[in-house]
Amino acid sequence: MSKFVIIPDSASDLTLDLMKQYNIPEMIPLILTLNDKVYPSATGDWTGITSKEFYGLIKNKNTHVTSGAPSPEKCMAIYEKYLQQGYDV
Protein backbone atom coordinates (compact mmCIF):
# COMPACT_ATOMS: atom_id res chain seq x y z
CA MET A 1 0.00 0.00 0.00
CA SER A 2 1.39 3.39 -0.94
CA LYS A 3 1.55 6.21 1.57
CA PHE A 4 -1.19 8.81 1.33
CA VAL A 5 -2.60 11.91 2.98
CA ILE A 6 -6.17 13.09 3.32
CA ILE A 7 -6.62 16.78 2.57
CA PRO A 8 -10.18 17.93 3.39
CA ASP A 9 -11.49 21.44 3.00
CA SER A 10 -12.50 23.51 5.99
CA ALA A 11 -16.20 22.69 5.51
CA SER A 12 -15.37 19.32 7.07
CA ASP A 13 -15.45 21.01 10.51
CA LEU A 14 -12.58 18.90 11.82
CA THR A 15 -11.02 20.03 15.06
CA LEU A 16 -7.26 20.18 15.46
CA ASP A 17 -7.47 17.18 17.78
CA LEU A 18 -9.22 15.07 15.12
CA MET A 19 -6.74 16.20 12.48
CA LYS A 20 -3.88 15.05 14.72
CA GLN A 21 -5.64 11.79 15.59
CA TYR A 22 -6.08 10.88 11.91
CA ASN A 23 -2.78 12.36 10.67
CA ILE A 24 -4.44 15.00 8.51
CA PRO A 25 -1.68 17.53 7.82
CA GLU A 26 -3.81 20.50 6.73
CA MET A 27 -7.11 21.71 5.33
CA ILE A 28 -7.87 23.65 2.20
CA PRO A 29 -9.47 26.85 3.49
CA LEU A 30 -12.78 27.87 1.96
CA ILE A 31 -13.40 31.56 1.40
CA LEU A 32 -15.59 33.38 3.93
CA THR A 33 -16.78 36.96 3.38
CA LEU A 34 -18.50 39.01 6.09
CA ASN A 35 -19.59 42.51 5.10
CA ASP A 36 -17.08 42.61 2.23
CA LYS A 37 -14.15 41.55 4.44
CA VAL A 38 -12.60 38.28 3.24
CA TYR A 39 -11.33 35.74 5.80
CA PRO A 40 -9.79 32.33 5.44
CA SER A 41 -12.71 30.23 6.63
CA ALA A 42 -12.81 28.99 10.16
CA THR A 43 -10.60 25.94 10.41
CA GLY A 44 -9.97 23.72 13.39
CA ASP A 45 -7.91 26.44 15.03
CA TRP A 46 -10.18 29.35 13.98
CA THR A 47 -7.41 31.29 12.27
CA GLY A 48 -8.41 34.56 10.67
CA ILE A 49 -11.53 34.98 12.81
CA THR A 50 -12.45 33.62 16.21
CA SER A 51 -15.63 31.63 16.76
CA LYS A 52 -16.89 34.38 19.09
CA GLU A 53 -16.33 37.04 16.40
CA PHE A 54 -17.91 34.92 13.68
CA TYR A 55 -21.08 34.01 15.57
CA GLY A 56 -21.36 37.55 16.91
CA LEU A 57 -21.30 38.93 13.37
CA ILE A 58 -23.78 36.48 11.91
CA LYS A 59 -26.31 37.19 14.70
CA ASN A 60 -26.67 40.66 13.21
CA LYS A 61 -29.32 40.62 10.47
CA ASN A 62 -27.39 43.36 8.63
CA THR A 63 -24.29 41.20 8.25
CA HIS A 64 -23.88 39.97 4.70
CA VAL A 65 -22.27 36.49 4.78
CA THR A 66 -21.03 34.52 1.77
CA SER A 67 -18.72 31.57 1.37
CA GLY A 68 -17.05 30.02 -1.61
CA ALA A 69 -14.66 27.42 -2.87
CA PRO A 70 -10.94 28.12 -3.11
CA SER A 71 -9.40 28.52 -6.52
CA PRO A 72 -8.27 25.40 -8.38
CA GLU A 73 -4.74 26.82 -8.24
CA LYS A 74 -4.86 26.97 -4.43
CA CYS A 75 -6.00 23.33 -4.26
CA MET A 76 -3.37 22.18 -6.73
CA ALA A 77 -0.59 23.96 -4.85
CA ILE A 78 -1.52 22.12 -1.65
CA TYR A 79 -1.93 18.75 -3.40
CA GLU A 80 1.34 19.11 -5.31
CA LYS A 81 3.24 19.81 -2.09
CA TYR A 82 2.36 16.30 -0.87
CA LEU A 83 2.67 14.61 -4.26
CA GLN A 84 6.26 15.92 -4.47
CA GLN A 85 6.93 14.27 -1.10
CA GLY A 86 5.82 10.92 -2.53
CA TYR A 87 2.30 10.81 -1.08
CA ASP A 88 -0.90 9.94 -2.88
CA VAL A 89 -3.62 12.49 -2.19
PDB file of N, CA and C in Angstrom:
ATOM      1  N   MET A   1       0.848  -1.187   0.000  1.00  0.00           N
ATOM      2  CA  MET A   1       0.000   0.000   0.000  1.00  0.00           C
ATOM      3  C   MET A   1       0.883   1.235   0.000  1.00  0.00           C
ATOM      4  N   SER A   2       0.584   2.171  -0.885  1.00  0.00           N
ATOM      5  CA  SER A   2       1.388   3.389  -0.939  1.00  0.00           C
ATOM      6  C   SER A   2       0.974   4.348   0.173  1.00  0.00           C
ATOM      7  N   LYS A   3       1.875   5.245   0.520  1.00  0.00           N
ATOM      8  CA  LYS A   3       1.549   6.209   1.570  1.00  0.00           C
ATOM      9  C   LYS A   3       0.658   7.301   0.974  1.00  0.00           C
ATOM     10  N   PHE A   4      -0.238   7.812   1.803  1.00  0.00           N
ATOM     11  CA  PHE A   4      -1.190   8.806   1.326  1.00  0.00           C
ATOM     12  C   PHE A   4      -1.506   9.796   2.434  1.00  0.00           C
ATOM     13  N   VAL A   5      -2.081  10.927   2.033  1.00  0.00           N
ATOM     14  CA  VAL A   5      -2.603  11.909   2.985  1.00  0.00           C
ATOM     15  C   VAL A   5      -4.024  12.256   2.573  1.00  0.00           C
ATOM     16  N   ILE A   6      -4.807  12.602   3.551  1.00  0.00           N
ATOM     17  CA  ILE A   6      -6.168  13.086   3.324  1.00  0.00           C
ATOM     18  C   ILE A   6      -6.130  14.590   3.515  1.00  0.00           C
ATOM     19  N   ILE A   7      -6.602  15.312   2.510  1.00  0.00           N
ATOM     20  CA  ILE A   7      -6.615  16.775   2.571  1.00  0.00           C
ATOM     21  C   ILE A   7      -8.066  17.243   2.396  1.00  0.00           C
ATOM     22  N   PRO A   8      -8.796  17.449   3.507  1.00  0.00           N
ATOM     23  CA  PRO A   8     -10.176  17.929   3.388  1.00  0.00           C
ATOM     24  C   PRO A   8     -10.202  19.454   3.227  1.00  0.00           C
ATOM     25  N   ASP A   9     -11.364  19.993   2.933  1.00  0.00           N
ATOM     26  CA  ASP A   9     -11.487  21.445   2.998  1.00  0.00           C
ATOM     27  C   ASP A   9     -12.086  21.806   4.358  1.00  0.00           C
ATOM     28  N   SER A  10     -12.108  23.087   4.647  1.00  0.00           N
ATOM     29  CA  SER A  10     -12.505  23.507   5.992  1.00  0.00           C
ATOM     30  C   SER A  10     -13.996  23.332   6.263  1.00  0.00           C
ATOM     31  N   ALA A  11     -14.795  22.998   5.264  1.00  0.00           N
ATOM     32  CA  ALA A  11     -16.203  22.691   5.511  1.00  0.00           C
ATOM     33  C   ALA A  11     -16.365  21.372   6.254  1.00  0.00           C
ATOM     34  N   SER A  12     -15.290  20.600   6.362  1.00  0.00           N
ATOM     35  CA  SER A  12     -15.369  19.319   7.070  1.00  0.00           C
ATOM     36  C   SER A  12     -15.527  19.505   8.574  1.00  0.00           C
ATOM     37  N   ASP A  13     -15.287  20.703   9.081  1.00  0.00           N
ATOM     38  CA  ASP A  13     -15.446  21.007  10.508  1.00  0.00           C
ATOM     39  C   ASP A  13     -14.614  20.122  11.420  1.00  0.00           C
ATOM     40  N   LEU A  14     -13.456  19.704  10.973  1.00  0.00           N
ATOM     41  CA  LEU A  14     -12.582  18.899  11.822  1.00  0.00           C
ATOM     42  C   LEU A  14     -11.875  19.789  12.835  1.00  0.00           C
ATOM     43  N   THR A  15     -11.789  19.310  14.043  1.00  0.00           N
ATOM     44  CA  THR A  15     -11.024  20.026  15.059  1.00  0.00           C
ATOM     45  C   THR A  15      -9.543  19.688  14.886  1.00  0.00           C
ATOM     46  N   LEU A  16      -8.688  20.473  15.504  1.00  0.00           N
ATOM     47  CA  LEU A  16      -7.259  20.178  15.455  1.00  0.00           C
ATOM     48  C   LEU A  16      -6.961  18.821  16.087  1.00  0.00           C
ATOM     49  N   ASP A  17      -7.682  18.478  17.146  1.00  0.00           N
ATOM     50  CA  ASP A  17      -7.473  17.179  17.783  1.00  0.00           C
ATOM     51  C   ASP A  17      -7.786  16.028  16.831  1.00  0.00           C
ATOM     52  N   LEU A  18      -8.890  16.121  16.081  1.00  0.00           N
ATOM     53  CA  LEU A  18      -9.225  15.072  15.118  1.00  0.00           C
ATOM     54  C   LEU A  18      -8.214  15.016  13.973  1.00  0.00           C
ATOM     55  N   MET A  19      -7.748  16.186  13.551  1.00  0.00           N
ATOM     56  CA  MET A  19      -6.740  16.204  12.485  1.00  0.00           C
ATOM     57  C   MET A  19      -5.474  15.488  12.948  1.00  0.00           C
ATOM     58  N   LYS A  20      -5.061  15.742  14.177  1.00  0.00           N
ATOM     59  CA  LYS A  20      -3.884  15.055  14.718  1.00  0.00           C
ATOM     60  C   LYS A  20      -4.129  13.563  14.859  1.00  0.00           C
ATOM     61  N   GLN A  21      -5.312  13.199  15.370  1.00  0.00           N
ATOM     62  CA  GLN A  21      -5.639  11.793  15.589  1.00  0.00           C
ATOM     63  C   GLN A  21      -5.583  10.998  14.285  1.00  0.00           C
ATOM     64  N   TYR A  22      -6.031  11.593  13.180  1.00  0.00           N
ATOM     65  CA  TYR A  22      -6.084  10.884  11.909  1.00  0.00           C
ATOM     66  C   TYR A  22      -4.969  11.287  10.941  1.00  0.00           C
ATOM     67  N   ASN A  23      -3.946  11.960  11.464  1.00  0.00           N
ATOM     68  CA  ASN A  23      -2.776  12.357  10.672  1.00  0.00           C
ATOM     69  C   ASN A  23      -3.144  13.158   9.426  1.00  0.00           C
ATOM     70  N   ILE A  24      -4.047  14.111   9.599  1.00  0.00           N
ATOM     71  CA  ILE A  24      -4.438  15.003   8.509  1.00  0.00           C
ATOM     72  C   ILE A  24      -3.565  16.250   8.631  1.00  0.00           C
ATOM     73  N   PRO A  25      -2.668  16.477   7.661  1.00  0.00           N
ATOM     74  CA  PRO A  25      -1.683  17.532   7.823  1.00  0.00           C
ATOM     75  C   PRO A  25      -2.216  18.959   7.690  1.00  0.00           C
ATOM     76  N   GLU A  26      -3.254  19.151   6.893  1.00  0.00           N
ATOM     77  CA  GLU A  26      -3.806  20.501   6.731  1.00  0.00           C
ATOM     78  C   GLU A  26      -5.148  20.428   6.030  1.00  0.00           C
ATOM     79  N   MET A  27      -5.834  21.573   6.026  1.00  0.00           N
ATOM     80  CA  MET A  27      -7.112  21.710   5.331  1.00  0.00           C
ATOM     81  C   MET A  27      -6.968  22.751   4.238  1.00  0.00           C
ATOM     82  N   ILE A  28      -7.783  22.600   3.219  1.00  0.00           N
ATOM     83  CA  ILE A  28      -7.870  23.646   2.204  1.00  0.00           C
ATOM     84  C   ILE A  28      -8.912  24.645   2.715  1.00  0.00           C
ATOM     85  N   PRO A  29      -8.514  25.887   2.940  1.00  0.00           N
ATOM     86  CA  PRO A  29      -9.471  26.849   3.494  1.00  0.00           C
ATOM     87  C   PRO A  29     -10.474  27.329   2.450  1.00  0.00           C
ATOM     88  N   LEU A  30     -11.756  27.276   2.801  1.00  0.00           N
ATOM     89  CA  LEU A  30     -12.780  27.869   1.956  1.00  0.00           C
ATOM     90  C   LEU A  30     -12.790  29.372   2.193  1.00  0.00           C
ATOM     91  N   ILE A  31     -13.389  30.105   1.305  1.00  0.00           N
ATOM     92  CA  ILE A  31     -13.404  31.563   1.405  1.00  0.00           C
ATOM     93  C   ILE A  31     -14.662  32.001   2.155  1.00  0.00           C
ATOM     94  N   LEU A  32     -14.496  32.863   3.129  1.00  0.00           N
ATOM     95  CA  LEU A  32     -15.591  33.385   3.926  1.00  0.00           C
ATOM     96  C   LEU A  32     -15.564  34.904   3.824  1.00  0.00           C
ATOM     97  N   THR A  33     -16.689  35.499   3.473  1.00  0.00           N
ATOM     98  CA  THR A  33     -16.775  36.956   3.377  1.00  0.00           C
ATOM     99  C   THR A  33     -17.884  37.442   4.299  1.00  0.00           C
ATOM    100  N   LEU A  34     -17.534  38.388   5.178  1.00  0.00           N
ATOM    101  CA  LEU A  34     -18.496  39.006   6.092  1.00  0.00           C
ATOM    102  C   LEU A  34     -18.438  40.508   5.865  1.00  0.00           C
ATOM    103  N   ASN A  35     -19.532  41.064   5.372  1.00  0.00           N
ATOM    104  CA  ASN A  35     -19.588  42.512   5.095  1.00  0.00           C
ATOM    105  C   ASN A  35     -18.402  42.976   4.262  1.00  0.00           C
ATOM    106  N   ASP A  36     -18.133  42.282   3.195  1.00  0.00           N
ATOM    107  CA  ASP A  36     -17.077  42.608   2.232  1.00  0.00           C
ATOM    108  C   ASP A  36     -15.659  42.427   2.757  1.00  0.00           C
ATOM    109  N   LYS A  37     -15.483  41.869   3.944  1.00  0.00           N
ATOM    110  CA  LYS A  37     -14.149  41.546   4.441  1.00  0.00           C
ATOM    111  C   LYS A  37     -13.935  40.047   4.252  1.00  0.00           C
ATOM    112  N   VAL A  38     -12.869  39.675   3.560  1.00  0.00           N
ATOM    113  CA  VAL A  38     -12.601  38.277   3.243  1.00  0.00           C
ATOM    114  C   VAL A  38     -11.702  37.664   4.316  1.00  0.00           C
ATOM    115  N   TYR A  39     -12.088  36.484   4.796  1.00  0.00           N
ATOM    116  CA  TYR A  39     -11.334  35.735   5.803  1.00  0.00           C
ATOM    117  C   TYR A  39     -11.009  34.359   5.240  1.00  0.00           C
ATOM    118  N   PRO A  40      -9.893  33.770   5.679  1.00  0.00           N
ATOM    119  CA  PRO A  40      -9.795  32.333   5.437  1.00  0.00           C
ATOM    120  C   PRO A  40     -10.889  31.726   6.315  1.00  0.00           C
ATOM    121  N   SER A  41     -11.579  30.739   5.843  1.00  0.00           N
ATOM    122  CA  SER A  41     -12.708  30.235   6.630  1.00  0.00           C
ATOM    123  C   SER A  41     -12.226  29.624   7.931  1.00  0.00           C
ATOM    124  N   ALA A  42     -13.141  29.526   8.843  1.00  0.00           N
ATOM    125  CA  ALA A  42     -12.814  28.991  10.158  1.00  0.00           C
ATOM    126  C   ALA A  42     -12.359  27.556  10.027  1.00  0.00           C
ATOM    127  N   THR A  43     -11.145  27.291  10.410  1.00  0.00           N
ATOM    128  CA  THR A  43     -10.605  25.944  10.407  1.00  0.00           C
ATOM    129  C   THR A  43     -10.573  25.450  11.850  1.00  0.00           C
ATOM    130  N   GLY A  44     -10.001  24.304  12.060  1.00  0.00           N
ATOM    131  CA  GLY A  44      -9.965  23.718  13.394  1.00  0.00           C
ATOM    132  C   GLY A  44      -9.363  24.615  14.453  1.00  0.00           C
ATOM    133  N   ASP A  45      -8.509  25.534  14.047  1.00  0.00           N
ATOM    134  CA  ASP A  45      -7.909  26.438  15.028  1.00  0.00           C
ATOM    135  C   ASP A  45      -8.463  27.858  14.936  1.00  0.00           C
ATOM    136  N   TRP A  46      -9.519  28.057  14.134  1.00  0.00           N
ATOM    137  CA  TRP A  46     -10.183  29.349  13.982  1.00  0.00           C
ATOM    138  C   TRP A  46      -9.188  30.471  13.657  1.00  0.00           C
ATOM    139  N   THR A  47      -8.318  30.228  12.690  1.00  0.00           N
ATOM    140  CA  THR A  47      -7.409  31.292  12.267  1.00  0.00           C
ATOM    141  C   THR A  47      -8.167  32.298  11.412  1.00  0.00           C
ATOM    142  N   GLY A  48      -7.772  33.524  11.474  1.00  0.00           N
ATOM    143  CA  GLY A  48      -8.414  34.557  10.671  1.00  0.00           C
ATOM    144  C   GLY A  48      -9.577  35.228  11.367  1.00  0.00           C
ATOM    145  N   ILE A  49     -10.384  34.447  12.057  1.00  0.00           N
ATOM    146  CA  ILE A  49     -11.526  34.984  12.806  1.00  0.00           C
ATOM    147  C   ILE A  49     -11.830  33.997  13.927  1.00  0.00           C
ATOM    148  N   THR A  50     -12.129  34.515  15.104  1.00  0.00           N
ATOM    149  CA  THR A  50     -12.454  33.623  16.211  1.00  0.00           C
ATOM    150  C   THR A  50     -13.917  33.181  16.109  1.00  0.00           C
ATOM    151  N   SER A  51     -14.244  32.096  16.771  1.00  0.00           N
ATOM    152  CA  SER A  51     -15.635  31.633  16.761  1.00  0.00           C
ATOM    153  C   SER A  51     -16.550  32.681  17.390  1.00  0.00           C
ATOM    154  N   LYS A  52     -16.074  33.348  18.427  1.00  0.00           N
ATOM    155  CA  LYS A  52     -16.886  34.378  19.091  1.00  0.00           C
ATOM    156  C   LYS A  52     -17.167  35.529  18.126  1.00  0.00           C
ATOM    157  N   GLU A  53     -16.142  35.980  17.400  1.00  0.00           N
ATOM    158  CA  GLU A  53     -16.333  37.041  16.404  1.00  0.00           C
ATOM    159  C   GLU A  53     -17.320  36.614  15.323  1.00  0.00           C
ATOM    160  N   PHE A  54     -17.095  35.411  14.774  1.00  0.00           N
ATOM    161  CA  PHE A  54     -17.911  34.918  13.678  1.00  0.00           C
ATOM    162  C   PHE A  54     -19.384  34.852  14.066  1.00  0.00           C
ATOM    163  N   TYR A  55     -19.682  34.167  15.169  1.00  0.00           N
ATOM    164  CA  TYR A  55     -21.076  34.010  15.567  1.00  0.00           C
ATOM    165  C   TYR A  55     -21.687  35.328  16.019  1.00  0.00           C
ATOM    166  N   GLY A  56     -20.871  36.218  16.570  1.00  0.00           N
ATOM    167  CA  GLY A  56     -21.364  37.551  16.913  1.00  0.00           C
ATOM    168  C   GLY A  56     -21.772  38.329  15.676  1.00  0.00           C
ATOM    169  N   LEU A  57     -20.972  38.225  14.616  1.00  0.00           N
ATOM    170  CA  LEU A  57     -21.297  38.925  13.371  1.00  0.00           C
ATOM    171  C   LEU A  57     -22.529  38.354  12.686  1.00  0.00           C
ATOM    172  N   ILE A  58     -22.658  37.033  12.651  1.00  0.00           N
ATOM    173  CA  ILE A  58     -23.785  36.476  11.906  1.00  0.00           C
ATOM    174  C   ILE A  58     -25.112  36.588  12.663  1.00  0.00           C
ATOM    175  N   LYS A  59     -25.062  36.918  13.965  1.00  0.00           N
ATOM    176  CA  LYS A  59     -26.307  37.186  14.700  1.00  0.00           C
ATOM    177  C   LYS A  59     -26.974  38.454  14.197  1.00  0.00           C
ATOM    178  N   ASN A  60     -26.171  39.371  13.697  1.00  0.00           N
ATOM    179  CA  ASN A  60     -26.670  40.655  13.215  1.00  0.00           C
ATOM    180  C   ASN A  60     -27.328  40.454  11.849  1.00  0.00           C
ATOM    181  N   LYS A  61     -28.596  40.803  11.728  1.00  0.00           N
ATOM    182  CA  LYS A  61     -29.321  40.623  10.470  1.00  0.00           C
ATOM    183  C   LYS A  61     -28.739  41.467   9.337  1.00  0.00           C
ATOM    184  N   ASN A  62     -27.980  42.490   9.661  1.00  0.00           N
ATOM    185  CA  ASN A  62     -27.387  43.357   8.635  1.00  0.00           C
ATOM    186  C   ASN A  62     -26.047  42.842   8.128  1.00  0.00           C
ATOM    187  N   THR A  63     -25.550  41.776   8.704  1.00  0.00           N
ATOM    188  CA  THR A  63     -24.285  41.200   8.253  1.00  0.00           C
ATOM    189  C   THR A  63     -24.526  40.382   6.998  1.00  0.00           C
ATOM    190  N   HIS A  64     -23.799  40.710   5.966  1.00  0.00           N
ATOM    191  CA  HIS A  64     -23.879  39.966   4.703  1.00  0.00           C
ATOM    192  C   HIS A  64     -22.789  38.895   4.720  1.00  0.00           C
ATOM    193  N   VAL A  65     -23.199  37.618   4.677  1.00  0.00           N
ATOM    194  CA  VAL A  65     -22.269  36.493   4.778  1.00  0.00           C
ATOM    195  C   VAL A  65     -22.309  35.693   3.480  1.00  0.00           C
ATOM    196  N   THR A  66     -21.123  35.430   2.913  1.00  0.00           N
ATOM    197  CA  THR A  66     -21.028  34.522   1.771  1.00  0.00           C
ATOM    198  C   THR A  66     -19.829  33.611   1.992  1.00  0.00           C
ATOM    199  N   SER A  67     -19.867  32.470   1.336  1.00  0.00           N
ATOM    200  CA  SER A  67     -18.723  31.575   1.369  1.00  0.00           C
ATOM    201  C   SER A  67     -18.522  31.028  -0.032  1.00  0.00           C
ATOM    202  N   GLY A  68     -17.334  30.537  -0.291  1.00  0.00           N
ATOM    203  CA  GLY A  68     -17.049  30.016  -1.614  1.00  0.00           C
ATOM    204  C   GLY A  68     -15.870  29.073  -1.613  1.00  0.00           C
ATOM    205  N   ALA A  69     -15.747  28.385  -2.706  1.00  0.00           N
ATOM    206  CA  ALA A  69     -14.656  27.424  -2.868  1.00  0.00           C
ATOM    207  C   ALA A  69     -13.340  28.148  -3.150  1.00  0.00           C
ATOM    208  N   PRO A  70     -12.238  27.551  -2.763  1.00  0.00           N
ATOM    209  CA  PRO A  70     -10.938  28.119  -3.108  1.00  0.00           C
ATOM    210  C   PRO A  70     -10.686  27.946  -4.606  1.00  0.00           C
ATOM    211  N   SER A  71      -9.729  28.648  -5.099  1.00  0.00           N
ATOM    212  CA  SER A  71      -9.396  28.523  -6.522  1.00  0.00           C
ATOM    213  C   SER A  71      -8.783  27.151  -6.795  1.00  0.00           C
ATOM    214  N   PRO A  72      -8.930  26.660  -8.024  1.00  0.00           N
ATOM    215  CA  PRO A  72      -8.275  25.398  -8.375  1.00  0.00           C
ATOM    216  C   PRO A  72      -6.758  25.476  -8.179  1.00  0.00           C
ATOM    217  N   GLU A  73      -6.183  26.643  -8.407  1.00  0.00           N
ATOM    218  CA  GLU A  73      -4.737  26.820  -8.239  1.00  0.00           C
ATOM    219  C   GLU A  73      -4.328  26.634  -6.781  1.00  0.00           C
ATOM    220  N   LYS A  74      -5.144  27.138  -5.858  1.00  0.00           N
ATOM    221  CA  LYS A  74      -4.860  26.974  -4.428  1.00  0.00           C
ATOM    222  C   LYS A  74      -4.887  25.483  -4.053  1.00  0.00           C
ATOM    223  N   CYS A  75      -5.903  24.774  -4.533  1.00  0.00           N
ATOM    224  CA  CYS A  75      -6.003  23.332  -4.257  1.00  0.00           C
ATOM    225  C   CYS A  75      -4.806  22.590  -4.836  1.00  0.00           C
ATOM    226  N   MET A  76      -4.475  22.877  -6.082  1.00  0.00           N
ATOM    227  CA  MET A  76      -3.365  22.178  -6.735  1.00  0.00           C
ATOM    228  C   MET A  76      -2.046  22.434  -6.024  1.00  0.00           C
ATOM    229  N   ALA A  77      -1.840  23.645  -5.552  1.00  0.00           N
ATOM    230  CA  ALA A  77      -0.594  23.961  -4.846  1.00  0.00           C
ATOM    231  C   ALA A  77      -0.462  23.102  -3.586  1.00  0.00           C
ATOM    232  N   ILE A  78      -1.556  22.934  -2.859  1.00  0.00           N
ATOM    233  CA  ILE A  78      -1.523  22.115  -1.649  1.00  0.00           C
ATOM    234  C   ILE A  78      -1.323  20.651  -2.002  1.00  0.00           C
ATOM    235  N   TYR A  79      -2.065  20.151  -2.991  1.00  0.00           N
ATOM    236  CA  TYR A  79      -1.929  18.750  -3.401  1.00  0.00           C
ATOM    237  C   TYR A  79      -0.516  18.459  -3.906  1.00  0.00           C
ATOM    238  N   GLU A  80       0.015  19.342  -4.733  1.00  0.00           N
ATOM    239  CA  GLU A  80       1.338  19.110  -5.311  1.00  0.00           C
ATOM    240  C   GLU A  80       2.433  19.064  -4.253  1.00  0.00           C
ATOM    241  N   LYS A  81       2.256  19.830  -3.179  1.00  0.00           N
ATOM    242  CA  LYS A  81       3.237  19.808  -2.093  1.00  0.00           C
ATOM    243  C   LYS A  81       3.401  18.379  -1.555  1.00  0.00           C
ATOM    244  N   TYR A  82       2.299  17.662  -1.395  1.00  0.00           N
ATOM    245  CA  TYR A  82       2.356  16.298  -0.867  1.00  0.00           C
ATOM    246  C   TYR A  82       2.728  15.288  -1.945  1.00  0.00           C
ATOM    247  N   LEU A  83       2.289  15.501  -3.166  1.00  0.00           N
ATOM    248  CA  LEU A  83       2.668  14.612  -4.259  1.00  0.00           C
ATOM    249  C   LEU A  83       4.180  14.630  -4.451  1.00  0.00           C
ATOM    250  N   GLN A  84       4.809  15.816  -4.328  1.00  0.00           N
ATOM    251  CA  GLN A  84       6.264  15.921  -4.472  1.00  0.00           C
ATOM    252  C   GLN A  84       6.997  15.215  -3.338  1.00  0.00           C
ATOM    253  N   GLN A  85       6.330  15.000  -2.225  1.00  0.00           N
ATOM    254  CA  GLN A  85       6.928  14.272  -1.102  1.00  0.00           C
ATOM    255  C   GLN A  85       6.680  12.775  -1.204  1.00  0.00           C
ATOM    256  N   GLY A  86       6.039  12.343  -2.300  1.00  0.00           N
ATOM    257  CA  GLY A  86       5.823  10.921  -2.531  1.00  0.00           C
ATOM    258  C   GLY A  86       4.504  10.377  -2.005  1.00  0.00           C
ATOM    259  N   TYR A  87       3.604  11.243  -1.587  1.00  0.00           N
ATOM    260  CA  TYR A  87       2.304  10.812  -1.082  1.00  0.00           C
ATOM    261  C   TYR A  87       1.272  10.773  -2.209  1.00  0.00           C
ATOM    262  N   ASP A  88       0.313   9.863  -2.091  1.00  0.00           N
ATOM    263  CA  ASP A  88      -0.902   9.936  -2.882  1.00  0.00           C
ATOM    264  C   ASP A  88      -1.848  10.850  -2.113  1.00  0.00           C
ATOM    265  N   VAL A  89      -2.686  11.565  -2.826  1.00  0.00           N
ATOM    266  CA  VAL A  89      -3.616  12.489  -2.191  1.00  0.00           C
ATOM    267  C   VAL A  89      -5.033  11.996  -2.412  1.00  0.00           C
TER     268      VAL A  89
END
